[in-house]
Amino acid sequence: MSVINMFRKEALRHQYKSQEFGHSVIKQPNIINKSIWALCFTMLISVIMMQYITLTSTQDFNIEIAVDNFQPLVLPAPSIITKQLVKEGEQVDKNQSIYLLSNINEIKPKQYYLRSPSSGLFFHLNTDSNISSPYKPIGFILKNNSNNEFSFWLKDKPKKNILVGDKVIISIDEKKLEGKVSMLLGNFTNKNGKKIYIKLNNIREISALSPKANMYLSLTQQPKSIAQLLN
């Protein structure tokens, strides 16, 4: 083989390698561009999800209905409760007879009626005796409320801040009362808890709001986007 042919073959080999290198250099920017577009698209989708995908949280509490919702039924002197004239949870009018009573201190007991001081729902305070004590309630009237707003005590400390407008469900036995938080008062204390006002959506199951009832509250926070939660 002549020297000239050897140089020709070597030159062709170098030319082929140069072409391969050129093709690889051309391909790399295309790969980088595709990667950048994919990254931008992923970031755009993430931003949209953060803005529009919402998360909700719930909290559960033991609650008690506050005594300021009720008008207590009291007597100035010891009396015998002869008869209860109204059923538990029944609507009564102002001055309607609720109990038939007898004065215990008289030789010839005289019967008289205890009448409702206001309109509302009647609840009897169960006791072991039918003899009332002076100025101690023997029953309560859940006062009529045109706004369907009632106050309660949260007995468990909230893990998250409660906000006006948060939706709630009050569970009493098998009954469910839906509403929303309308007002908050004071801080949580170990003695009383935290006072909260709830506006009920309707009064269909309001007869369940007995001062003796065991009540549980499920509170749903207003939906927030992921972006709001991160702020």
Protein backbone atom coordinates (compact mmCIF):
# COMPACT_ATOMS: atom_id res chain seq x y z
CA MET A 1 0.00 0.00 0.00
CA SER A 2 1.38 3.35 -0.94
CA VAL A 3 1.97 6.13 1.54
CA ILE A 4 -0.53 8.30 -0.30
CA ASN A 5 -3.34 5.74 0.16
CA MET A 6 -2.56 5.44 3.86
CA PHE A 7 -2.88 9.20 4.27
CA ARG A 8 -6.16 9.16 2.37
CA LYS A 9 -7.67 6.48 4.64
CA GLU A 10 -6.52 8.27 7.78
CA ALA A 11 -7.95 11.54 6.49
CA LEU A 12 -11.31 9.87 5.78
CA ARG A 13 -11.34 8.34 9.28
CA HIS A 14 -10.78 11.74 10.90
CA GLN A 15 -13.45 13.30 8.71
CA TYR A 16 -15.99 10.64 9.78
CA LYS A 17 -15.19 11.18 13.47
CA SER A 18 -15.54 14.93 13.02
CA GLN A 19 -18.99 14.44 11.48
CA GLU A 20 -20.13 12.23 14.41
CA PHE A 21 -18.92 14.83 16.90
CA GLY A 22 -20.77 17.56 15.02
CA HIS A 23 -24.03 15.61 15.10
CA SER A 24 -23.74 15.05 18.87
CA VAL A 25 -23.03 18.73 19.45
CA ILE A 26 -26.14 19.64 17.43
CA LYS A 27 -28.34 17.18 19.36
CA GLN A 28 -27.39 18.44 22.84
CA PRO A 29 -29.05 21.90 22.57
CA ASN A 30 -32.25 20.21 21.42
CA ILE A 31 -32.24 17.96 24.51
CA ILE A 32 -31.55 20.95 26.78
CA ASN A 33 -34.38 22.95 25.17
CA LYS A 34 -36.84 20.09 25.64
CA SER A 35 -35.80 19.76 29.30
CA ILE A 36 -36.32 23.48 29.90
CA TRP A 37 -39.79 23.37 28.31
CA ALA A 38 -40.74 20.33 30.42
CA LEU A 39 -39.53 22.07 33.59
CA CYS A 40 -41.50 25.24 32.76
CA PHE A 41 -44.64 23.22 32.05
CA THR A 42 -44.28 21.34 35.36
CA MET A 43 -43.84 24.62 37.27
CA LEU A 44 -46.90 26.12 35.55
CA ILE A 45 -49.08 23.13 36.50
CA SER A 46 -47.78 23.32 40.09
CA VAL A 47 -48.69 27.02 40.36
CA ILE A 48 -52.20 26.36 39.01
CA MET A 49 -52.70 23.52 41.49
CA MET A 50 -51.55 25.70 44.38
CA GLN A 51 -54.03 28.41 43.44
CA TYR A 52 -57.12 26.33 42.77
CA ILE A 53 -56.86 23.06 44.70
CA THR A 54 -58.38 23.66 48.14
CA LEU A 55 -57.96 21.80 51.42
CA THR A 56 -60.41 21.63 54.31
CA SER A 57 -59.81 20.68 57.93
CA THR A 58 -62.20 19.56 60.65
CA GLN A 59 -62.11 19.71 64.44
CA ASP A 60 -64.33 17.88 66.92
CA PHE A 61 -65.33 19.20 70.36
CA ASN A 62 -67.39 18.35 73.39
CA ILE A 63 -69.75 21.28 73.96
CA GLU A 64 -72.37 22.49 76.44
CA ILE A 65 -75.20 24.86 75.69
CA ALA A 66 -74.77 28.05 77.75
CA VAL A 67 -77.25 28.85 80.52
CA ASP A 68 -77.87 32.34 79.13
CA ASN A 69 -80.01 30.74 76.41
CA PHE A 70 -82.55 29.74 79.07
CA GLN A 71 -85.03 31.36 81.41
CA PRO A 72 -84.91 29.39 84.70
CA LEU A 73 -88.15 28.39 86.43
CA VAL A 74 -87.74 29.02 90.16
CA LEU A 75 -89.98 29.28 93.23
CA PRO A 76 -89.48 31.55 96.26
CA ALA A 77 -90.56 28.87 98.75
CA PRO A 78 -90.46 25.07 98.99
CA SER A 79 -93.31 23.50 97.03
CA ILE A 80 -94.58 20.10 95.98
CA ILE A 81 -94.64 19.50 92.25
CA THR A 82 -98.04 17.88 91.89
CA LYS A 83 -98.16 17.67 88.12
CA GLN A 84 -96.11 18.60 85.07
CA LEU A 85 -98.50 20.03 82.47
CA VAL A 86 -96.15 20.35 79.49
CA LYS A 87 -94.06 17.73 77.72
CA GLU A 88 -90.29 17.93 77.47
CA GLY A 89 -89.18 20.09 74.52
CA GLU A 90 -92.68 21.41 73.87
CA GLN A 91 -93.30 24.99 72.74
CA VAL A 92 -95.00 27.15 75.39
CA ASP A 93 -96.38 30.67 75.34
CA LYS A 94 -95.78 33.39 77.86
CA ASN A 95 -98.00 32.94 80.98
CA GLN A 96 -98.88 29.37 79.97
CA SER A 97 -99.30 27.02 82.94
CA ILE A 98 -96.39 24.58 83.23
CA TYR A 99 -96.63 23.04 86.71
CA LEU A 100 -99.38 22.41 89.21
CA LEU A 101 -97.86 23.01 92.66
CA SER A 102 -98.79 22.83 96.33
CA ASN A 103 -97.38 25.03 99.08
CA ILE A 104 -95.57 22.72 101.49
CA ASN A 105 -95.64 24.98 104.56
CA GLU A 106 -99.37 25.38 104.87
CA ILE A 107 -101.58 23.14 107.04
CA LYS A 108 -104.03 22.87 104.18
CA PRO A 109 -101.82 22.98 101.10
CA LYS A 110 -103.15 25.31 98.49
CA GLN A 111 -102.61 24.43 94.85
CA TYR A 112 -101.43 26.97 92.31
CA TYR A 113 -99.84 27.09 88.88
CA LEU A 114 -96.34 28.05 87.85
CA ARG A 115 -96.58 29.90 84.55
CA SER A 116 -93.96 30.42 81.90
CA PRO A 117 -92.24 33.84 82.16
CA SER A 118 -91.58 33.88 78.40
CA SER A 119 -92.31 31.96 75.23
CA GLY A 120 -89.98 29.18 74.17
CA LEU A 121 -89.29 25.48 74.58
CA PHE A 122 -89.84 23.85 77.97
CA PHE A 123 -87.31 21.52 79.65
CA HIS A 124 -87.85 19.89 83.04
CA LEU A 125 -84.90 19.49 85.39
CA ASN A 126 -85.05 15.91 86.58
CA THR A 127 -84.50 15.45 90.32
CA ASP A 128 -84.90 12.61 92.79
CA SER A 129 -87.60 14.51 94.65
CA ASN A 130 -90.86 16.23 93.71
CA ILE A 131 -90.19 18.92 96.30
CA SER A 132 -88.60 22.08 94.98
CA SER A 133 -85.98 24.11 96.84
CA PRO A 134 -86.29 27.91 97.13
CA TYR A 135 -84.77 29.78 94.17
CA LYS A 136 -83.34 26.61 92.62
CA PRO A 137 -84.51 25.87 89.06
CA ILE A 138 -87.00 23.09 88.55
CA GLY A 139 -87.06 23.65 84.80
CA PHE A 140 -85.98 25.94 82.00
CA ILE A 141 -87.44 27.77 79.02
CA LEU A 142 -85.22 27.90 75.94
CA LYS A 143 -86.03 31.44 74.88
CA ASN A 144 -87.34 32.04 71.37
CA ASN A 145 -84.66 33.47 69.13
CA SER A 146 -85.61 35.08 65.84
CA ASN A 147 -82.01 34.83 64.59
CA ASN A 148 -81.67 31.12 65.46
CA GLU A 149 -78.45 32.07 67.26
CA PHE A 150 -77.40 30.26 70.44
CA SER A 151 -74.33 30.29 72.65
CA PHE A 152 -72.25 27.27 73.65
CA TRP A 153 -69.13 26.43 75.62
CA LEU A 154 -66.34 24.57 73.85
CA LYS A 155 -64.95 22.18 76.46
CA ASP A 156 -61.90 21.18 74.38
CA LYS A 157 -59.12 23.58 73.46
CA PRO A 158 -59.06 24.28 69.69
CA LYS A 159 -55.96 23.07 67.87
CA LYS A 160 -56.46 25.69 65.16
CA ASN A 161 -57.99 29.15 65.22
CA ILE A 162 -61.77 29.14 64.84
CA LEU A 163 -63.14 31.77 62.47
CA VAL A 164 -66.51 33.42 62.09
CA GLY A 165 -68.27 31.71 59.21
CA ASP A 166 -66.82 28.25 59.85
CA LYS A 167 -69.46 25.58 59.26
CA VAL A 168 -70.52 23.34 62.14
CA ILE A 169 -72.65 20.28 62.82
CA ILE A 170 -73.99 19.75 66.35
CA SER A 171 -74.68 16.08 67.14
CA ILE A 172 -77.20 15.28 69.88
CA ASP A 173 -78.03 11.58 70.05
CA GLU A 174 -79.28 10.81 66.52
CA LYS A 175 -80.09 14.42 65.64
CA LYS A 176 -77.88 16.74 63.59
CA LEU A 177 -78.13 20.54 63.70
CA GLU A 178 -76.22 22.42 61.01
CA GLY A 179 -75.09 26.03 61.20
CA LYS A 180 -72.09 28.34 61.22
CA VAL A 181 -70.01 30.24 63.75
CA SER A 182 -71.41 33.75 64.20
CA MET A 183 -69.29 35.10 67.07
CA LEU A 184 -66.42 34.18 69.42
CA LEU A 185 -65.88 35.54 72.92
CA GLY A 186 -62.76 35.51 75.06
CA ASN A 187 -59.93 33.02 75.31
CA PHE A 188 -60.08 29.36 76.21
CA THR A 189 -59.87 28.67 79.95
CA ASN A 190 -59.53 25.31 81.69
CA LYS A 191 -62.49 26.14 83.94
CA ASN A 192 -65.15 27.14 81.41
CA GLY A 193 -63.66 26.53 77.97
CA LYS A 194 -64.37 29.01 75.18
CA LYS A 195 -67.70 30.67 74.43
CA ILE A 196 -68.92 30.42 70.87
CA TYR A 197 -72.10 31.60 69.17
CA ILE A 198 -73.67 29.48 66.46
CA LYS A 199 -76.38 30.51 64.00
CA LEU A 200 -78.43 27.44 63.09
CA ASN A 201 -79.66 26.95 59.53
CA ASN A 202 -83.13 25.96 60.74
CA ILE A 203 -84.99 25.23 63.98
CA ARG A 204 -86.47 21.88 62.95
CA GLU A 205 -84.44 19.97 65.57
CA ILE A 206 -84.17 22.77 68.11
CA SER A 207 -86.05 20.72 70.72
CA ALA A 208 -82.83 18.68 71.08
CA LEU A 209 -81.09 21.66 72.75
CA SER A 210 -81.82 20.47 76.26
CA PRO A 211 -79.60 21.74 79.10
CA LYS A 212 -79.14 18.07 80.06
CA ALA A 213 -78.11 16.80 76.61
CA ASN A 214 -74.65 15.53 75.68
CA MET A 215 -73.54 17.51 72.65
CA TYR A 216 -70.69 17.20 70.20
CA LEU A 217 -69.55 19.75 67.66
CA SER A 218 -67.86 19.02 64.34
CA LEU A 219 -66.33 22.19 62.88
CA THR A 220 -65.21 22.51 59.27
CA GLN A 221 -62.74 25.25 58.41
CA GLN A 222 -63.44 27.29 55.30
CA PRO A 223 -61.62 25.79 52.26
CA LYS A 224 -58.21 27.34 51.59
CA SER A 225 -55.92 26.97 48.61
CA ILE A 226 -52.46 25.50 49.04
CA ALA A 227 -50.98 28.93 48.27
CA GLN A 228 -53.00 30.51 51.13
CA LEU A 229 -51.86 27.83 53.56
CA LEU A 230 -48.22 28.52 52.64
CA ASN A 231 -48.54 32.28 53.29
